[in-house]
Amino acid sequence: MKLYLLDSNDAANLPVHRAITSELYGGGPELRLKQELLLGIGGWRLLRALGIKPEVCHLNEGHAAFAVLERARSFMQEAAQPFDVTLAVTRAGNLFTTHTAVAAGLDRFAPALIEQYLGGYAEQKLGIPLHDVLALGRQNPTDAFANWPARRAAMSTARRCLRPAHQRTIRRASSHTATAWRFPWKTHASCGSDNEVCHDNN
């Protein structure tokens, strides 16, 4: 197994961009958003540049939520299909896992911040208005003022949501996850000794 690390501290980058990966879980919402954009969009582009085409995209929490957008965009180019079609197709290969199923562990970004960094990408690369991207994460898609929760967006674009079965809080957390984000998932029995399928999107 190979591990690829993303580092923005490159002399070819502007100083403001070189510091994006300088610390983990630090800084304010803007730095966090930049890091998650780099991880999600940049990470998927790195895999494609290396000739790697994963069948499954594992999203742990919402940190790599933007990978599903880039994955769908990449498939848009290959299949010459609109975003909604390619998102539906690639969703089958997106797997979400969580170990912090509480609201306190949820990254939320202001709509204006998302527009600043993702507005052009949504319209020019995905061919959709930014509102459609924001709707992926919002509990109420029509609430234009609600902050954008990355984890909820990742969950809504994944085929399955898994949670480690060995954790004692599995049952309580599974119930909390289902009610906190209100997705139409079906509960499944354990699929193995290591993981339990909590919910399955249909």
Protein backbone atom coordinates (compact mmCIF):
# COMPACT_ATOMS: atom_id res chain seq x y z
CA MET A 1 0.00 0.00 0.00
CA LYS A 2 1.26 3.46 -0.92
CA LEU A 3 0.62 6.62 1.06
CA TYR A 4 0.61 10.00 -0.70
CA LEU A 5 0.87 13.16 1.38
CA LEU A 6 -0.20 16.63 0.22
CA ASP A 7 2.12 19.51 1.12
CA SER A 8 1.46 23.07 0.00
CA ASN A 9 4.85 24.31 1.24
CA ASP A 10 6.35 24.53 -2.22
CA ALA A 11 8.43 27.43 -3.50
CA ALA A 12 6.23 27.62 -6.60
CA ASN A 13 3.23 28.57 -4.43
CA LEU A 14 2.40 31.98 -3.06
CA PRO A 15 3.34 32.45 0.61
CA VAL A 16 -0.32 32.55 1.62
CA HIS A 17 -0.86 29.17 -0.04
CA ARG A 18 2.32 27.59 1.27
CA ALA A 19 0.99 27.79 4.82
CA ILE A 20 -2.24 25.88 4.16
CA THR A 21 -0.81 22.54 5.31
CA SER A 22 1.45 23.99 8.00
CA GLU A 23 -0.76 22.81 10.86
CA LEU A 24 -3.51 20.28 11.48
CA TYR A 25 -6.81 21.20 13.12
CA GLY A 26 -5.59 24.74 13.60
CA GLY A 27 -6.53 28.20 12.44
CA GLY A 28 -9.99 29.57 11.76
CA PRO A 29 -12.79 28.44 9.42
CA GLU A 30 -11.07 29.89 6.34
CA LEU A 31 -7.91 27.85 6.84
CA ARG A 32 -9.96 24.74 7.57
CA LEU A 33 -11.92 25.25 4.36
CA LYS A 34 -8.71 25.68 2.35
CA GLN A 35 -7.31 22.48 3.86
CA GLU A 36 -10.45 20.52 3.06
CA LEU A 37 -10.53 21.86 -0.50
CA LEU A 38 -6.92 20.82 -0.94
CA LEU A 39 -7.57 17.40 0.53
CA GLY A 40 -10.76 16.72 -1.39
CA ILE A 41 -10.32 18.33 -4.79
CA GLY A 42 -6.52 18.33 -4.79
CA GLY A 43 -6.34 14.80 -3.44
CA TRP A 44 -8.60 13.40 -6.15
CA ARG A 45 -6.68 15.26 -8.86
CA LEU A 46 -3.44 13.83 -7.50
CA LEU A 47 -4.80 10.30 -7.81
CA ARG A 48 -5.88 10.94 -11.37
CA ALA A 49 -2.48 12.47 -12.24
CA LEU A 50 -0.87 9.29 -10.92
CA GLY A 51 -3.16 7.16 -13.06
CA ILE A 52 -5.02 5.80 -10.05
CA LYS A 53 -8.76 5.22 -10.43
CA PRO A 54 -10.22 4.12 -7.09
CA GLU A 55 -13.44 2.14 -7.17
CA VAL A 56 -14.22 3.21 -3.62
CA CYS A 57 -13.72 6.67 -2.16
CA HIS A 58 -13.54 6.50 1.65
CA LEU A 59 -14.64 9.69 3.38
CA ASN A 60 -13.75 9.75 7.06
CA GLU A 61 -15.89 12.48 8.61
CA GLY A 62 -16.39 15.52 6.38
CA HIS A 63 -12.75 16.45 5.88
CA ALA A 64 -12.60 15.05 2.34
CA ALA A 65 -16.19 15.89 1.37
CA PHE A 66 -15.07 17.90 -1.65
CA ALA A 67 -13.58 14.75 -3.17
CA VAL A 68 -17.07 13.63 -4.19
CA LEU A 69 -17.50 16.83 -6.19
CA GLU A 70 -14.20 16.40 -7.99
CA ARG A 71 -14.91 12.73 -8.58
CA ALA A 72 -18.22 13.61 -10.19
CA ARG A 73 -16.55 16.40 -12.21
CA SER A 74 -13.92 14.00 -13.47
CA PHE A 75 -16.59 11.55 -14.57
CA MET A 76 -18.44 14.42 -16.25
CA GLN A 77 -15.49 14.80 -18.61
CA GLU A 78 -15.29 11.08 -19.32
CA ALA A 79 -19.00 10.41 -19.82
CA ALA A 80 -20.09 13.83 -21.15
CA GLN A 81 -22.96 13.84 -18.67
CA PRO A 82 -24.27 16.61 -16.39
CA PHE A 83 -23.28 16.84 -12.75
CA ASP A 84 -26.48 15.41 -11.27
CA VAL A 85 -26.07 12.26 -13.37
CA THR A 86 -22.39 11.73 -12.60
CA LEU A 87 -22.92 12.40 -8.89
CA ALA A 88 -25.62 9.73 -8.80
CA VAL A 89 -23.36 7.25 -10.60
CA THR A 90 -20.21 7.89 -8.56
CA ARG A 91 -22.15 7.94 -5.31
CA ALA A 92 -22.29 4.15 -5.43
CA GLY A 93 -18.55 4.10 -4.78
CA ASN A 94 -18.49 6.63 -1.94
CA LEU A 95 -18.17 5.27 1.59
CA PHE A 96 -18.59 7.46 4.67
CA THR A 97 -17.32 6.63 8.15
CA THR A 98 -17.70 8.53 11.38
CA HIS A 99 -16.29 8.21 14.86
CA THR A 100 -17.54 11.56 16.19
CA ALA A 101 -21.28 11.45 15.67
CA VAL A 102 -22.00 14.61 17.63
CA ALA A 103 -22.74 18.13 16.43
CA ALA A 104 -19.65 19.51 18.20
CA GLY A 105 -17.39 17.59 15.82
CA LEU A 106 -19.03 19.01 12.71
CA ASP A 107 -17.22 21.56 10.54
CA ARG A 108 -19.57 24.33 9.45
CA PHE A 109 -18.71 27.02 6.92
CA ALA A 110 -20.48 30.30 6.27
CA PRO A 111 -22.19 30.54 2.86
CA ALA A 112 -20.12 33.61 1.95
CA LEU A 113 -16.91 31.67 2.60
CA ILE A 114 -18.07 28.77 0.46
CA GLU A 115 -19.02 31.20 -2.31
CA GLN A 116 -15.60 32.87 -2.12
CA TYR A 117 -13.68 29.65 -2.63
CA LEU A 118 -16.14 27.39 -4.44
CA GLY A 119 -18.46 29.67 -6.40
CA GLY A 120 -16.39 29.68 -9.57
CA TYR A 121 -15.69 25.94 -9.32
CA ALA A 122 -19.39 25.14 -9.02
CA GLU A 123 -20.44 27.21 -12.00
CA GLN A 124 -17.44 26.74 -14.30
CA LYS A 125 -16.38 23.17 -13.50
CA LEU A 126 -19.57 21.50 -12.31
CA GLY A 127 -21.97 23.54 -14.41
CA ILE A 128 -24.34 24.13 -11.49
CA PRO A 129 -25.19 27.12 -9.30
CA LEU A 130 -23.50 27.30 -5.92
CA HIS A 131 -26.91 26.84 -4.31
CA ASP A 132 -26.96 23.24 -5.52
CA VAL A 133 -23.64 22.54 -3.82
CA LEU A 134 -24.81 24.13 -0.60
CA ALA A 135 -28.02 22.09 -0.75
CA LEU A 136 -25.97 18.87 -0.51
CA GLY A 137 -25.07 19.67 3.07
CA ARG A 138 -27.99 21.62 4.44
CA GLN A 139 -30.78 19.99 6.37
CA ASN A 140 -33.08 22.58 4.80
CA PRO A 141 -31.81 23.15 1.23
CA THR A 142 -33.86 26.35 0.89
CA ASP A 143 -32.28 28.04 3.92
CA ALA A 144 -29.88 30.47 2.24
CA PHE A 145 -28.39 31.60 5.54
CA ALA A 146 -27.56 28.22 7.06
CA ASN A 147 -23.90 27.33 7.44
CA TRP A 148 -22.64 24.49 5.25
CA PRO A 149 -21.79 21.33 7.24
CA ALA A 150 -19.09 19.37 5.41
CA ARG A 151 -19.80 16.09 7.17
CA ARG A 152 -23.46 16.15 6.28
CA ALA A 153 -22.55 16.78 2.64
CA ALA A 154 -20.22 13.78 2.71
CA MET A 155 -22.94 11.62 4.25
CA SER A 156 -25.54 12.70 1.71
CA THR A 157 -23.29 11.81 -1.23
CA ALA A 158 -22.16 8.41 0.10
CA ARG A 159 -23.75 5.04 -0.64
CA ARG A 160 -23.11 3.73 2.84
CA CYS A 161 -22.30 5.03 6.28
CA LEU A 162 -20.16 2.82 8.48
CA ARG A 163 -19.16 3.02 12.10
CA PRO A 164 -16.60 0.79 13.92
CA ALA A 165 -18.54 -1.95 15.67
CA HIS A 166 -16.00 -2.40 18.46
CA GLN A 167 -16.80 1.00 19.95
CA ARG A 168 -19.05 0.81 22.98
CA THR A 169 -21.06 3.81 21.85
CA ILE A 170 -22.02 2.19 18.54
CA ARG A 171 -25.72 1.84 19.23
CA ARG A 172 -26.15 5.26 20.78
CA ALA A 173 -24.04 6.92 18.09
CA SER A 174 -25.84 5.12 15.28
CA SER A 175 -29.15 6.37 16.57
CA HIS A 176 -27.75 9.88 17.00
CA THR A 177 -26.30 9.90 13.48
CA ALA A 178 -29.61 8.85 11.99
CA THR A 179 -31.62 11.47 13.84
CA ALA A 180 -29.14 14.35 13.82
CA TRP A 181 -28.93 14.57 10.04
CA ARG A 182 -32.27 13.00 9.12
CA PHE A 183 -31.36 10.93 6.10
CA PRO A 184 -33.58 8.13 4.73
CA TRP A 185 -31.19 5.33 5.65
CA LYS A 186 -32.03 1.73 6.42
CA THR A 187 -30.36 0.09 9.38
CA HIS A 188 -28.42 -3.08 8.62
CA ALA A 189 -26.95 -5.86 10.70
CA SER A 190 -23.20 -6.24 11.15
CA CYS A 191 -21.32 -7.06 7.96
CA GLY A 192 -18.18 -8.33 9.68
CA SER A 193 -16.10 -8.34 12.81
CA ASP A 194 -14.46 -4.97 12.17
CA ASN A 195 -17.28 -2.78 10.97
CA GLU A 196 -21.00 -2.45 11.29
CA VAL A 197 -23.15 -0.94 8.57
CA CYS A 198 -25.19 1.69 10.35
CA HIS A 199 -27.10 3.10 7.42
CA ASP A 200 -27.51 2.46 3.73
CA ASN A 201 -28.62 5.21 1.35
CA ASN A 202 -31.16 4.21 -1.28
